[in-house]
């Protein structure tokens, strides 16, 4: 019985590194060029992706209705304008 437990623990110890390496971050790999006005109305929020860790480009990740995401270049003027509009829309007066 003890031998079976030891083999089981050894097997788990061997599997752990391979499982840990298989987990990837949810990163943007490329940017969209532009966004139609109709799509802009469907944006509910955004998050900032830094170029560190597993993600190799900085990006703004826009979250749309129905859980879709779009990645945009944070240096683009239209992206910065859209971020400001979302911030204003999500800020409620006291």
PDB file of N, CA and C in Angstrom:
ATOM      1  N   UNK A   1       0.821  -1.198   0.000  1.00  0.00           N
ATOM      2  CA  UNK A   1       0.000   0.000   0.000  1.00  0.00           C
ATOM      3  C   UNK A   1       0.866   1.264   0.000  1.00  0.00           C
ATOM      4  N   UNK A   2       1.909   1.281   0.838  1.00  0.00           N
ATOM      5  CA  UNK A   2       2.788   2.437   0.897  1.00  0.00           C
ATOM      6  C   UNK A   2       3.530   2.607  -0.424  1.00  0.00           C
ATOM      7  N   UNK A   3       3.882   1.500  -1.048  1.00  0.00           N
ATOM      8  CA  UNK A   3       4.599   1.567  -2.330  1.00  0.00           C
ATOM      9  C   UNK A   3       3.712   2.205  -3.405  1.00  0.00           C
ATOM     10  N   UNK A   4       2.436   1.878  -3.429  1.00  0.00           N
ATOM     11  CA  UNK A   4       1.513   2.458  -4.406  1.00  0.00           C
ATOM     12  C   UNK A   4       1.360   3.968  -4.198  1.00  0.00           C
ATOM     13  N   UNK A   5       1.306   4.388  -2.951  1.00  0.00           N
ATOM     14  CA  UNK A   5       1.200   5.811  -2.655  1.00  0.00           C
ATOM     15  C   UNK A   5       2.472   6.536  -3.088  1.00  0.00           C
ATOM     16  N   UNK A   6       3.614   5.913  -2.844  1.00  0.00           N
ATOM     17  CA  UNK A   6       4.889   6.504  -3.242  1.00  0.00           C
ATOM     18  C   UNK A   6       4.978   6.643  -4.762  1.00  0.00           C
ATOM     19  N   UNK A   7       4.544   5.627  -5.500  1.00  0.00           N
ATOM     20  CA  UNK A   7       4.549   5.675  -6.959  1.00  0.00           C
ATOM     21  C   UNK A   7       3.591   6.759  -7.448  1.00  0.00           C
ATOM     22  N   UNK A   8       2.432   6.860  -6.823  1.00  0.00           N
ATOM     23  CA  UNK A   8       1.456   7.876  -7.196  1.00  0.00           C
ATOM     24  C   UNK A   8       2.011   9.282  -6.974  1.00  0.00           C
ATOM     25  N   UNK A   9       2.648   9.532  -5.838  1.00  0.00           N
ATOM     26  CA  UNK A   9       3.241  10.836  -5.559  1.00  0.00           C
ATOM     27  C   UNK A   9       4.379  11.152  -6.520  1.00  0.00           C
ATOM     28  N   UNK A  10       5.158  10.162  -6.852  1.00  0.00           N
ATOM     29  CA  UNK A  10       6.250  10.354  -7.812  1.00  0.00           C
ATOM     30  C   UNK A  10       5.692  10.704  -9.193  1.00  0.00           C
ATOM     31  N   UNK A  11       4.630  10.040  -9.581  1.00  0.00           N
ATOM     32  CA  UNK A  11       3.984  10.325 -10.859  1.00  0.00           C
ATOM     33  C   UNK A  11       3.430  11.757 -10.889  1.00  0.00           C
ATOM     34  N   UNK A  12       2.799  12.183  -9.812  1.00  0.00           N
ATOM     35  CA  UNK A  12       2.289  13.551  -9.728  1.00  0.00           C
ATOM     36  C   UNK A  12       3.425  14.573  -9.790  1.00  0.00           C
ATOM     37  N   UNK A  13       4.520  14.287  -9.124  1.00  0.00           N
ATOM     38  CA  UNK A  13       5.671  15.197  -9.128  1.00  0.00           C
ATOM     39  C   UNK A  13       6.261  15.327 -10.526  1.00  0.00           C
ATOM     40  N   UNK A  14       6.232  14.274 -11.295  1.00  0.00           N
ATOM     41  CA  UNK A  14       6.755  14.322 -12.660  1.00  0.00           C
ATOM     42  C   UNK A  14       5.806  15.055 -13.606  1.00  0.00           C
ATOM     43  N   UNK A  15       4.519  14.966 -13.352  1.00  0.00           N
ATOM     44  CA  UNK A  15       3.533  15.602 -14.225  1.00  0.00           C
ATOM     45  C   UNK A  15       3.409  17.095 -13.969  1.00  0.00           C
ATOM     46  N   UNK A  16       3.683  17.557 -12.767  1.00  0.00           N
ATOM     47  CA  UNK A  16       3.467  18.963 -12.413  1.00  0.00           C
ATOM     48  C   UNK A  16       4.220  19.933 -13.316  1.00  0.00           C
ATOM     49  N   UNK A  17       5.503  19.762 -13.593  1.00  0.00           N
ATOM     50  CA  UNK A  17       6.192  20.732 -14.469  1.00  0.00           C
ATOM     51  C   UNK A  17       5.619  20.792 -15.881  1.00  0.00           C
ATOM     52  N   UNK A  18       5.187  19.680 -16.410  1.00  0.00           N
ATOM     53  CA  UNK A  18       4.638  19.694 -17.763  1.00  0.00           C
ATOM     54  C   UNK A  18       3.287  20.399 -17.806  1.00  0.00           C
ATOM     55  N   UNK A  19       2.499  20.301 -16.768  1.00  0.00           N
ATOM     56  CA  UNK A  19       1.219  20.996 -16.699  1.00  0.00           C
ATOM     57  C   UNK A  19       1.446  22.490 -16.515  1.00  0.00           C
ATOM     58  N   UNK A  20       2.412  22.869 -15.686  1.00  0.00           N
ATOM     59  CA  UNK A  20       2.692  24.278 -15.441  1.00  0.00           C
ATOM     60  C   UNK A  20       3.207  24.964 -16.699  1.00  0.00           C
ATOM     61  N   UNK A  21       3.982  24.283 -17.518  1.00  0.00           N
ATOM     62  CA  UNK A  21       4.500  24.875 -18.738  1.00  0.00           C
ATOM     63  C   UNK A  21       3.418  25.029 -19.792  1.00  0.00           C
ATOM     64  N   UNK A  22       2.373  24.257 -19.714  1.00  0.00           N
ATOM     65  CA  UNK A  22       1.306  24.302 -20.701  1.00  0.00           C
ATOM     66  C   UNK A  22       0.337  25.447 -20.509  1.00  0.00           C
ATOM     67  N   UNK A  23       0.449  26.180 -19.412  1.00  0.00           N
ATOM     68  CA  UNK A  23      -0.476  27.285 -19.185  1.00  0.00           C
ATOM     69  C   UNK A  23       0.090  28.555 -19.799  1.00  0.00           C
ATOM     70  N   UNK A  24      -0.646  29.129 -20.746  1.00  0.00           N
ATOM     71  CA  UNK A  24      -0.217  30.333 -21.433  1.00  0.00           C
ATOM     72  C   UNK A  24      -1.081  31.502 -20.997  1.00  0.00           C
ATOM     73  N   UNK A  25      -0.483  32.689 -21.019  1.00  0.00           N
ATOM     74  CA  UNK A  25      -1.248  33.882 -20.713  1.00  0.00           C
ATOM     75  C   UNK A  25      -2.143  34.231 -21.892  1.00  0.00           C
ATOM     76  N   UNK A  26      -3.177  34.983 -21.610  1.00  0.00           N
ATOM     77  CA  UNK A  26      -4.077  35.443 -22.659  1.00  0.00           C
ATOM     78  C   UNK A  26      -3.510  36.742 -23.218  1.00  0.00           C
ATOM     79  N   UNK A  27      -2.684  36.630 -24.249  1.00  0.00           N
ATOM     80  CA  UNK A  27      -1.953  37.775 -24.787  1.00  0.00           C
ATOM     81  C   UNK A  27      -2.396  38.122 -26.199  1.00  0.00           C
ATOM     82  N   UNK A  28      -2.281  39.412 -26.503  1.00  0.00           N
ATOM     83  CA  UNK A  28      -2.478  39.882 -27.874  1.00  0.00           C
ATOM     84  C   UNK A  28      -1.182  39.657 -28.639  1.00  0.00           C
ATOM     85  N   UNK A  29      -1.301  39.170 -29.849  1.00  0.00           N
ATOM     86  CA  UNK A  29      -0.127  38.940 -30.679  1.00  0.00           C
ATOM     87  C   UNK A  29      -0.032  39.929 -31.829  1.00  0.00           C
ATOM     88  N   UNK A  30      -1.161  40.587 -32.147  1.00  0.00           N
ATOM     89  CA  UNK A  30      -1.166  41.587 -33.212  1.00  0.00           C
ATOM     90  C   UNK A  30      -2.303  42.568 -32.955  1.00  0.00           C
ATOM     91  N   UNK A  31      -2.237  43.709 -33.649  1.00  0.00           N
ATOM     92  CA  UNK A  31      -3.215  44.771 -33.471  1.00  0.00           C
ATOM     93  C   UNK A  31      -4.242  44.775 -34.606  1.00  0.00           C
ATOM     94  N   UNK A  32      -5.425  45.321 -34.291  1.00  0.00           N
ATOM     95  CA  UNK A  32      -6.378  45.612 -35.354  1.00  0.00           C
ATOM     96  C   UNK A  32      -6.001  46.970 -35.946  1.00  0.00           C
ATOM     97  N   UNK A  33      -6.379  47.217 -37.183  1.00  0.00           N
ATOM     98  CA  UNK A  33      -6.015  48.468 -37.850  1.00  0.00           C
ATOM     99  C   UNK A  33      -6.995  49.578 -37.492  1.00  0.00           C
ATOM    100  N   UNK A  34      -8.257  49.267 -37.493  1.00  0.00           N
ATOM    101  CA  UNK A  34      -9.288  50.255 -37.189  1.00  0.00           C
ATOM    102  C   UNK A  34     -10.526  49.564 -36.659  1.00  0.00           C
ATOM    103  N   UNK A  35     -11.500  50.377 -36.277  1.00  0.00           N
ATOM    104  CA  UNK A  35     -12.720  49.822 -35.700  1.00  0.00           C
ATOM    105  C   UNK A  35     -13.912  50.619 -36.210  1.00  0.00           C
ATOM    106  N   UNK A  36     -14.884  49.924 -36.771  1.00  0.00           N
ATOM    107  CA  UNK A  36     -16.097  50.592 -37.271  1.00  0.00           C
ATOM    108  C   UNK A  36     -16.893  51.190 -36.117  1.00  0.00           C
ATOM    109  N   UNK A  37     -17.660  52.226 -36.428  1.00  0.00           N
ATOM    110  CA  UNK A  37     -18.478  52.889 -35.405  1.00  0.00           C
ATOM    111  C   UNK A  37     -19.454  51.919 -34.757  1.00  0.00           C
ATOM    112  N   UNK A  38     -20.008  51.023 -35.540  1.00  0.00           N
ATOM    113  CA  UNK A  38     -20.977  50.072 -34.987  1.00  0.00           C
ATOM    114  C   UNK A  38     -20.312  49.149 -33.964  1.00  0.00           C
ATOM    115  N   UNK A  39     -19.060  48.822 -34.187  1.00  0.00           N
ATOM    116  CA  UNK A  39     -18.333  47.970 -33.237  1.00  0.00           C
ATOM    117  C   UNK A  39     -17.971  48.747 -31.979  1.00  0.00           C
ATOM    118  N   UNK A  40     -17.693  50.031 -32.120  1.00  0.00           N
ATOM    119  CA  UNK A  40     -17.322  50.858 -30.968  1.00  0.00           C
ATOM    120  C   UNK A  40     -18.441  50.924 -29.947  1.00  0.00           C
ATOM    121  N   UNK A  41     -19.681  50.875 -30.408  1.00  0.00           N
ATOM    122  CA  UNK A  41     -20.824  50.924 -29.487  1.00  0.00           C
ATOM    123  C   UNK A  41     -20.928  49.658 -28.637  1.00  0.00           C
ATOM    124  N   UNK A  42     -20.339  48.567 -29.098  1.00  0.00           N
ATOM    125  CA  UNK A  42     -20.429  47.299 -28.379  1.00  0.00           C
ATOM    126  C   UNK A  42     -19.328  47.094 -27.342  1.00  0.00           C
ATOM    127  N   UNK A  43     -18.405  48.041 -27.214  1.00  0.00           N
ATOM    128  CA  UNK A  43     -17.320  47.902 -26.251  1.00  0.00           C
ATOM    129  C   UNK A  43     -17.841  48.200 -24.849  1.00  0.00           C
ATOM    130  N   UNK A  44     -17.553  47.297 -23.922  1.00  0.00           N
ATOM    131  CA  UNK A  44     -18.004  47.477 -22.543  1.00  0.00           C
ATOM    132  C   UNK A  44     -16.866  47.867 -21.603  1.00  0.00           C
ATOM    133  N   UNK A  45     -15.639  47.457 -21.908  1.00  0.00           N
ATOM    134  CA  UNK A  45     -14.506  47.795 -21.057  1.00  0.00           C
ATOM    135  C   UNK A  45     -13.203  47.557 -21.815  1.00  0.00           C
ATOM    136  N   UNK A  46     -12.106  47.861 -21.150  1.00  0.00           N
ATOM    137  CA  UNK A  46     -10.795  47.585 -21.724  1.00  0.00           C
ATOM    138  C   UNK A  46      -9.813  47.282 -20.606  1.00  0.00           C
ATOM    139  N   UNK A  47      -8.698  46.677 -20.976  1.00  0.00           N
ATOM    140  CA  UNK A  47      -7.601  46.456 -20.040  1.00  0.00           C
ATOM    141  C   UNK A  47      -6.298  46.737 -20.767  1.00  0.00           C
ATOM    142  N   UNK A  48      -5.271  47.026 -20.000  1.00  0.00           N
ATOM    143  CA  UNK A  48      -3.965  47.339 -20.564  1.00  0.00           C
ATOM    144  C   UNK A  48      -3.084  46.102 -20.473  1.00  0.00           C
ATOM    145  N   UNK A  49      -2.479  45.734 -21.588  1.00  0.00           N
ATOM    146  CA  UNK A  49      -1.529  44.624 -21.626  1.00  0.00           C
ATOM    147  C   UNK A  49      -0.123  45.216 -21.703  1.00  0.00           C
ATOM    148  N   UNK A  50       0.694  44.883 -20.736  1.00  0.00           N
ATOM    149  CA  UNK A  50       2.079  45.351 -20.722  1.00  0.00           C
ATOM    150  C   UNK A  50       2.954  44.377 -21.501  1.00  0.00           C
ATOM    151  N   UNK A  51       4.057  44.876 -22.015  1.00  0.00           N
ATOM    152  CA  UNK A  51       4.990  44.031 -22.775  1.00  0.00           C
ATOM    153  C   UNK A  51       6.003  43.414 -21.821  1.00  0.00           C
ATOM    154  N   UNK A  52       5.537  42.532 -20.964  1.00  0.00           N
ATOM    155  CA  UNK A  52       6.429  41.828 -20.045  1.00  0.00           C
ATOM    156  C   UNK A  52       5.883  40.432 -19.803  1.00  0.00           C
ATOM    157  N   UNK A  53       6.659  39.601 -19.182  1.00  0.00           N
ATOM    158  CA  UNK A  53       6.222  38.233 -18.933  1.00  0.00           C
ATOM    159  C   UNK A  53       6.038  37.477 -20.236  1.00  0.00           C
ATOM    160  N   UNK A  54       4.891  36.856 -20.407  1.00  0.00           N
ATOM    161  CA  UNK A  54       4.629  36.073 -21.605  1.00  0.00           C
ATOM    162  C   UNK A  54       4.111  36.883 -22.774  1.00  0.00           C
ATOM    163  N   UNK A  55       3.754  38.146 -22.550  1.00  0.00           N
ATOM    164  CA  UNK A  55       3.206  38.988 -23.612  1.00  0.00           C
ATOM    165  C   UNK A  55       4.313  39.867 -24.175  1.00  0.00           C
ATOM    166  N   UNK A  56       4.478  39.854 -25.490  1.00  0.00           N
ATOM    167  CA  UNK A  56       5.628  40.543 -26.076  1.00  0.00           C
ATOM    168  C   UNK A  56       5.304  41.890 -26.707  1.00  0.00           C
ATOM    169  N   UNK A  57       4.046  42.324 -26.729  1.00  0.00           N
ATOM    170  CA  UNK A  57       3.716  43.652 -27.261  1.00  0.00           C
ATOM    171  C   UNK A  57       2.792  44.368 -26.283  1.00  0.00           C
ATOM    172  N   UNK A  58       2.939  45.697 -26.158  1.00  0.00           N
ATOM    173  CA  UNK A  58       1.963  46.442 -25.359  1.00  0.00           C
ATOM    174  C   UNK A  58       0.671  46.570 -26.161  1.00  0.00           C
ATOM    175  N   UNK A  59      -0.453  46.496 -25.491  1.00  0.00           N
ATOM    176  CA  UNK A  59      -1.726  46.562 -26.207  1.00  0.00           C
ATOM    177  C   UNK A  59      -2.834  47.029 -25.275  1.00  0.00           C
ATOM    178  N   UNK A  60      -3.888  47.534 -25.893  1.00  0.00           N
ATOM    179  CA  UNK A  60      -5.138  47.799 -25.197  1.00  0.00           C
ATOM    180  C   UNK A  60      -6.102  46.723 -25.674  1.00  0.00           C
ATOM    181  N   UNK A  61      -6.629  45.965 -24.724  1.00  0.00           N
ATOM    182  CA  UNK A  61      -7.543  44.876 -25.052  1.00  0.00           C
ATOM    183  C   UNK A  61      -8.962  45.337 -24.759  1.00  0.00           C
ATOM    184  N   UNK A  62      -9.724  45.575 -25.812  1.00  0.00           N
ATOM    185  CA  UNK A  62     -11.107  46.009 -25.670  1.00  0.00           C
ATOM    186  C   UNK A  62     -11.997  44.784 -25.537  1.00  0.00           C
ATOM    187  N   UNK A  63     -12.872  44.816 -24.535  1.00  0.00           N
ATOM    188  CA  UNK A  63     -13.830  43.728 -24.339  1.00  0.00           C
ATOM    189  C   UNK A  63     -15.172  44.172 -24.885  1.00  0.00           C
ATOM    190  N   UNK A  64     -15.712  43.371 -25.805  1.00  0.00           N
ATOM    191  CA  UNK A  64     -17.002  43.660 -26.409  1.00  0.00           C
ATOM    192  C   UNK A  64     -18.082  42.809 -25.773  1.00  0.00           C
ATOM    193  N   UNK A  65     -19.321  43.135 -26.086  1.00  0.00           N
ATOM    194  CA  UNK A  65     -20.431  42.295 -25.645  1.00  0.00           C
ATOM    195  C   UNK A  65     -20.225  40.905 -26.215  1.00  0.00           C
ATOM    196  N   UNK A  66     -20.784  39.925 -25.587  1.00  0.00           N
ATOM    197  CA  UNK A  66     -20.660  38.516 -25.978  1.00  0.00           C
ATOM    198  C   UNK A  66     -19.232  38.002 -25.801  1.00  0.00           C
ATOM    199  N   UNK A  67     -18.464  38.619 -24.897  1.00  0.00           N
ATOM    200  CA  UNK A  67     -17.132  38.161 -24.483  1.00  0.00           C
ATOM    201  C   UNK A  67     -16.093  38.125 -25.584  1.00  0.00           C
ATOM    202  N   UNK A  68     -16.251  38.908 -26.612  1.00  0.00           N
ATOM    203  CA  UNK A  68     -15.224  38.997 -27.639  1.00  0.00           C
ATOM    204  C   UNK A  68     -14.207  40.053 -27.233  1.00  0.00           C
ATOM    205  N   UNK A  69     -12.970  39.906 -27.715  1.00  0.00           N
ATOM    206  CA  UNK A  69     -11.931  40.880 -27.423  1.00  0.00           C
ATOM    207  C   UNK A  69     -11.229  41.311 -28.702  1.00  0.00           C
ATOM    208  N   UNK A  70     -10.760  42.560 -28.688  1.00  0.00           N
ATOM    209  CA  UNK A  70      -9.993  43.118 -29.797  1.00  0.00           C
ATOM    210  C   UNK A  70      -8.753  43.779 -29.216  1.00  0.00           C
ATOM    211  N   UNK A  71      -7.642  43.648 -29.907  1.00  0.00           N
ATOM    212  CA  UNK A  71      -6.381  44.217 -29.443  1.00  0.00           C
ATOM    213  C   UNK A  71      -5.988  45.395 -30.319  1.00  0.00           C
ATOM    214  N   UNK A  72      -5.626  46.508 -29.665  1.00  0.00           N
ATOM    215  CA  UNK A  72      -5.276  47.713 -30.401  1.00  0.00           C
ATOM    216  C   UNK A  72      -3.955  48.284 -29.894  1.00  0.00           C
ATOM    217  N   UNK A  73      -3.306  49.037 -30.759  1.00  0.00           N
ATOM    218  CA  UNK A  73      -2.036  49.681 -30.445  1.00  0.00           C
ATOM    219  C   UNK A  73      -2.289  50.887 -29.537  1.00  0.00           C
ATOM    220  N   UNK A  74      -1.723  50.914 -28.332  1.00  0.00           N
ATOM    221  CA  UNK A  74      -1.992  52.022 -27.410  1.00  0.00           C
ATOM    222  C   UNK A  74      -1.426  53.366 -27.880  1.00  0.00           C
ATOM    223  N   UNK A  75      -0.570  53.367 -28.872  1.00  0.00           N
ATOM    224  CA  UNK A  75       0.007  54.618 -29.383  1.00  0.00           C
ATOM    225  C   UNK A  75      -0.900  55.307 -30.401  1.00  0.00           C
ATOM    226  N   UNK A  76      -1.903  54.614 -30.900  1.00  0.00           N
ATOM    227  CA  UNK A  76      -2.814  55.185 -31.889  1.00  0.00           C
ATOM    228  C   UNK A  76      -3.765  56.193 -31.226  1.00  0.00           C
ATOM    229  N   UNK A  77      -4.005  57.299 -31.913  1.00  0.00           N
ATOM    230  CA  UNK A  77      -4.865  58.361 -31.374  1.00  0.00           C
ATOM    231  C   UNK A  77      -6.295  57.866 -31.175  1.00  0.00           C
ATOM    232  N   UNK A  78      -6.827  57.101 -32.125  1.00  0.00           N
ATOM    233  CA  UNK A  78      -8.211  56.640 -32.009  1.00  0.00           C
ATOM    234  C   UNK A  78      -8.379  55.701 -30.814  1.00  0.00           C
ATOM    235  N   UNK A  79      -7.315  54.967 -30.466  1.00  0.00           N
ATOM    236  CA  UNK A  79      -7.375  54.058 -29.311  1.00  0.00           C
ATOM    237  C   UNK A  79      -7.425  54.873 -28.019  1.00  0.00           C
ATOM    238  N   UNK A  80      -6.611  55.904 -27.925  1.00  0.00           N
ATOM    239  CA  UNK A  80      -6.590  56.760 -26.745  1.00  0.00           C
ATOM    240  C   UNK A  80      -7.915  57.493 -26.575  1.00  0.00           C
ATOM    241  N   UNK A  81      -8.482  57.970 -27.688  1.00  0.00           N
ATOM    242  CA  UNK A  81      -9.788  58.640 -27.641  1.00  0.00           C
ATOM    243  C   UNK A  81     -10.880  57.689 -27.165  1.00  0.00           C
ATOM    244  N   UNK A  82     -10.853  56.480 -27.670  1.00  0.00           N
ATOM    245  CA  UNK A  82     -11.860  55.490 -27.285  1.00  0.00           C
ATOM    246  C   UNK A  82     -11.725  55.116 -25.808  1.00  0.00           C
ATOM    247  N   UNK A  83     -10.500  55.020 -25.319  1.00  0.00           N
ATOM    248  CA  UNK A  83     -10.293  54.738 -23.898  1.00  0.00           C
ATOM    249  C   UNK A  83     -10.876  55.851 -23.034  1.00  0.00           C
ATOM    250  N   UNK A  84     -10.685  57.098 -23.440  1.00  0.00           N
ATOM    251  CA  UNK A  84     -11.237  58.235 -22.685  1.00  0.00           C
ATOM    252  C   UNK A  84     -12.759  58.210 -22.686  1.00  0.00           C
ATOM    253  N   UNK A  85     -13.350  57.880 -23.817  1.00  0.00           N
ATOM    254  CA  UNK A  85     -14.815  57.797 -23.889  1.00  0.00           C
ATOM    255  C   UNK A  85     -15.350  56.702 -22.975  1.00  0.00           C
ATOM    256  N   UNK A  86     -14.670  55.572 -22.946  1.00  0.00           N
ATOM    257  CA  UNK A  86     -15.105  54.468 -22.071  1.00  0.00           C
ATOM    258  C   UNK A  86     -14.958  54.868 -20.611  1.00  0.00           C
ATOM    259  N   UNK A  87     -13.855  55.542 -20.278  1.00  0.00           N
ATOM    260  CA  UNK A  87     -13.660  55.999 -18.899  1.00  0.00           C
ATOM    261  C   UNK A  87     -14.754  56.982 -18.482  1.00  0.00           C
ATOM    262  N   UNK A  88     -15.110  57.908 -19.358  1.00  0.00           N
ATOM    263  CA  UNK A  88     -16.166  58.870 -19.053  1.00  0.00           C
ATOM    264  C   UNK A  88     -17.511  58.179 -18.886  1.00  0.00           C
ATOM    265  N   UNK A  89     -17.779  57.201 -19.745  1.00  0.00           N
ATOM    266  CA  UNK A  89     -19.049  56.484 -19.682  1.00  0.00           C
ATOM    267  C   UNK A  89     -19.164  55.664 -18.401  1.00  0.00           C
ATOM    268  N   UNK A  90     -18.044  55.111 -17.927  1.00  0.00           N
ATOM    269  CA  UNK A  90     -18.059  54.264 -16.747  1.00  0.00           C
ATOM    270  C   UNK A  90     -17.924  55.043 -15.449  1.00  0.00           C
ATOM    271  N   UNK A  91     -17.671  56.356 -15.511  1.00  0.00           N
ATOM    272  CA  UNK A  91     -17.583  57.185 -14.318  1.00  0.00           C
ATOM    273  C   UNK A  91     -18.947  57.762 -14.026  1.00  0.00           C
ATOM    274  N   UNK A  92     -19.454  57.443 -12.858  1.00  0.00           N
ATOM    275  CA  UNK A  92     -20.780  57.918 -12.462  1.00  0.00           C
ATOM    276  C   UNK A  92     -20.624  59.101 -11.521  1.00  0.00           C
ATOM    277  N   UNK A  93     -21.447  60.146 -11.679  1.00  0.00           N
ATOM    278  CA  UNK A  93     -21.387  61.287 -10.751  1.00  0.00           C
ATOM    279  C   UNK A  93     -21.924  60.882  -9.378  1.00  0.00           C
ATOM    280  N   UNK A  94     -21.359  61.481  -8.349  1.00  0.00           N
ATOM    281  CA  UNK A  94     -21.778  61.139  -6.982  1.00  0.00           C
ATOM    282  C   UNK A  94     -23.053  61.823  -6.607  1.00  0.00           C
TER     283      UNK A  94
END
